Amino acid sequence: MALFTGTYADAKIDGKGRATLPPKFRGELPPENNREIYIYPSPTQGYLEASDREFIEQLRDSEPQNPYTDEDDEDSDTAWVLAEALNVTIDTAGRIVIPPDLAEEAGIDGRVVFVGRGFRFLIMSDAAHDAYKNRRRERRQNRKKSKSERP
């Protein structure tokens, strides 16, 4: 399975809606399917997420096999990702087309930031990335504060 790490904040989106996937991310994709990724809206945040086929297959395999399960299962994050994920091909120049409806939903226009998160990576606007960094910084500070207050 791929290991996506690092933050790449200098990607521009061209007039055709294409952005160059960071070379380190492309290098993590397995040879048998290194020309495709799956992009989907985050089930909990206002940005996009992406992963390789193996990650999507693991999500599929984690879902109940009975198609007539409780409708609450339809609202799970896994069901959301499987329903919303779009297969995107990486061209020979290493570019992906961010589907226009997904780009609009995530507020992506002109520039994009790629953030590695292990088995998946995030695709976000500059503004969403700033908010993301601030949330992470606040959570870290709150954890440090709560640890220091323990007896």
Protein backbone atom coordinates (compact mmCIF):
# COMPACT_ATOMS: atom_id res chain seq x y z
CA MET A 1 0.00 0.00 0.00
CA ALA A 2 1.18 3.51 -0.77
CA LEU A 3 2.65 5.78 1.90
CA PHE A 4 1.86 9.44 1.17
CA THR A 5 3.89 11.89 3.28
CA GLY A 6 4.77 15.57 3.10
CA THR A 7 3.02 18.78 2.12
CA TYR A 8 3.30 20.24 -1.38
CA ALA A 9 1.87 23.74 -1.63
CA ASP A 10 3.11 24.98 -4.98
CA ALA A 11 0.76 23.22 -7.40
CA LYS A 12 -1.12 25.36 -9.89
CA ILE A 13 -4.26 24.32 -11.69
CA ASP A 14 -4.12 25.00 -15.43
CA GLY A 15 -6.99 26.13 -17.66
CA LYS A 16 -8.07 22.52 -18.20
CA GLY A 17 -8.41 21.84 -14.45
CA ARG A 18 -5.17 19.84 -14.24
CA ALA A 19 -2.68 19.86 -11.39
CA THR A 20 0.64 18.04 -11.25
CA LEU A 21 0.64 15.32 -8.64
CA PRO A 22 3.80 15.55 -6.49
CA PRO A 23 6.49 13.18 -7.85
CA LYS A 24 6.87 11.55 -4.42
CA PHE A 25 3.17 10.69 -4.42
CA ARG A 26 3.37 9.29 -7.95
CA GLY A 27 6.36 7.22 -6.89
CA GLU A 28 4.31 5.60 -4.12
CA LEU A 29 1.71 4.21 -6.49
CA PRO A 30 2.14 0.52 -7.27
CA PRO A 31 3.38 -0.26 -10.79
CA GLU A 32 0.32 -2.30 -11.70
CA ASN A 33 -1.97 0.74 -11.30
CA ASN A 34 0.36 3.71 -11.14
CA ARG A 35 -1.74 5.72 -13.55
CA GLU A 36 -4.87 6.00 -11.42
CA ILE A 37 -6.03 7.40 -8.12
CA TYR A 38 -9.44 7.83 -6.54
CA ILE A 39 -10.58 11.30 -5.49
CA TYR A 40 -13.55 11.92 -3.20
CA PRO A 41 -14.89 14.66 -0.93
CA SER A 42 -13.80 14.24 2.67
CA PRO A 43 -16.68 12.75 4.64
CA THR A 44 -15.97 15.14 7.53
CA GLN A 45 -14.13 18.22 6.19
CA GLY A 46 -14.36 20.73 3.32
CA TYR A 47 -11.53 19.38 1.21
CA LEU A 48 -10.87 16.42 -1.07
CA GLU A 49 -9.12 13.18 -0.26
CA ALA A 50 -7.41 10.79 -2.63
CA SER A 51 -5.95 7.32 -2.42
CA ASP A 52 -4.75 4.42 -4.49
CA ARG A 53 -6.89 1.50 -5.61
CA GLU A 54 -5.69 -0.77 -2.80
CA PHE A 55 -7.03 1.62 -0.15
CA ILE A 56 -10.42 1.76 -1.90
CA GLU A 57 -10.48 -2.03 -2.13
CA GLN A 58 -9.80 -2.28 1.61
CA LEU A 59 -12.73 0.05 2.27
CA ARG A 60 -14.91 -2.09 0.02
CA ASP A 61 -13.85 -5.23 1.84
CA SER A 62 -14.65 -3.66 5.23
CA GLU A 63 -18.29 -3.04 4.28
CA PRO A 64 -20.94 -5.61 5.21
CA GLN A 65 -21.55 -8.04 2.38
CA ASN A 66 -25.33 -8.10 2.85
CA PRO A 67 -26.78 -5.39 0.59
CA TYR A 68 -29.95 -5.31 2.70
CA THR A 69 -28.38 -4.18 5.98
CA ASP A 70 -29.66 -1.46 8.23
CA GLU A 71 -29.91 1.87 6.41
CA ASP A 72 -27.59 3.42 9.02
CA ASP A 73 -24.78 1.60 7.21
CA GLU A 74 -25.54 3.76 4.17
CA ASP A 75 -24.49 6.80 6.18
CA SER A 76 -21.12 5.45 7.29
CA ASP A 77 -17.97 7.26 6.21
CA THR A 78 -16.94 4.14 4.30
CA ALA A 79 -20.21 4.03 2.36
CA TRP A 80 -19.82 7.75 1.63
CA VAL A 81 -16.31 7.34 0.23
CA LEU A 82 -17.27 4.34 -1.90
CA ALA A 83 -20.26 6.19 -3.32
CA GLU A 84 -18.41 9.44 -4.01
CA ALA A 85 -14.97 8.23 -5.17
CA LEU A 86 -14.07 9.01 -8.76
CA ASN A 87 -11.34 7.20 -10.64
CA VAL A 88 -8.87 9.73 -12.07
CA THR A 89 -6.12 8.90 -14.52
CA ILE A 90 -2.63 10.38 -14.15
CA ASP A 91 -1.37 11.54 -17.54
CA THR A 92 2.18 10.97 -18.82
CA ALA A 93 3.23 14.40 -17.48
CA GLY A 94 2.07 13.41 -13.96
CA ARG A 95 -1.05 15.59 -14.01
CA ILE A 96 -4.52 14.80 -12.76
CA VAL A 97 -7.77 16.48 -13.66
CA ILE A 98 -9.61 17.46 -10.51
CA PRO A 99 -13.27 16.93 -11.43
CA PRO A 100 -14.89 20.40 -11.64
CA ASP A 101 -17.78 19.59 -9.30
CA LEU A 102 -15.36 18.29 -6.65
CA ALA A 103 -13.05 21.28 -7.10
CA GLU A 104 -15.99 23.63 -6.66
CA GLU A 105 -17.23 21.76 -3.59
CA ALA A 106 -13.76 22.07 -2.01
CA GLY A 107 -13.28 25.73 -3.03
CA ILE A 108 -10.28 24.84 -5.18
CA ASP A 109 -9.51 27.43 -7.84
CA GLY A 110 -6.13 28.29 -9.31
CA ARG A 111 -3.86 26.65 -6.73
CA VAL A 112 -3.95 23.41 -4.80
CA VAL A 113 -2.13 21.97 -1.78
CA PHE A 114 -1.41 18.24 -1.45
CA VAL A 115 -1.02 16.92 2.11
CA GLY A 116 0.14 13.36 2.78
CA ARG A 117 -1.82 11.42 5.39
CA GLY A 118 -0.32 7.95 5.16
CA PHE A 119 -2.64 5.69 3.18
CA ARG A 120 -4.36 8.69 1.58
CA PHE A 121 -3.66 12.32 0.80
CA LEU A 122 -5.63 15.54 1.00
CA ILE A 123 -6.24 17.97 -1.85
CA MET A 124 -7.24 21.44 -0.70
CA SER A 125 -7.30 25.12 -1.47
CA ASP A 126 -4.77 27.48 0.12
CA ALA A 127 -7.49 28.80 2.47
CA ALA A 128 -8.54 25.29 3.52
CA HIS A 129 -4.89 24.40 4.11
CA ASP A 130 -4.43 27.44 6.37
CA ALA A 131 -7.53 26.44 8.37
CA TYR A 132 -6.30 22.83 8.51
CA LYS A 133 -2.89 23.93 9.87
CA ASN A 134 -4.55 26.15 12.47
CA ARG A 135 -6.85 23.32 13.67
CA ARG A 136 -3.86 20.96 13.98
CA ARG A 137 -1.85 23.58 15.87
CA GLU A 138 -4.74 24.24 18.29
CA ARG A 139 -5.28 20.51 18.95
CA ARG A 140 -1.56 20.02 19.64
CA GLN A 141 -1.52 22.96 22.04
CA ASN A 142 -4.65 21.70 23.81
CA ARG A 143 -3.10 18.23 24.20
CA LYS A 144 0.08 19.72 25.64
CA LYS A 145 -1.97 21.89 27.99
CA SER A 146 -4.09 18.98 29.20
CA LYS A 147 -1.00 16.83 29.77
CA SER A 148 0.64 19.55 31.85
CA GLU A 149 -2.51 19.94 33.99
CA ARG A 150 -2.61 16.26 34.96
CA PRO A 151 -1.62 15.47 38.55
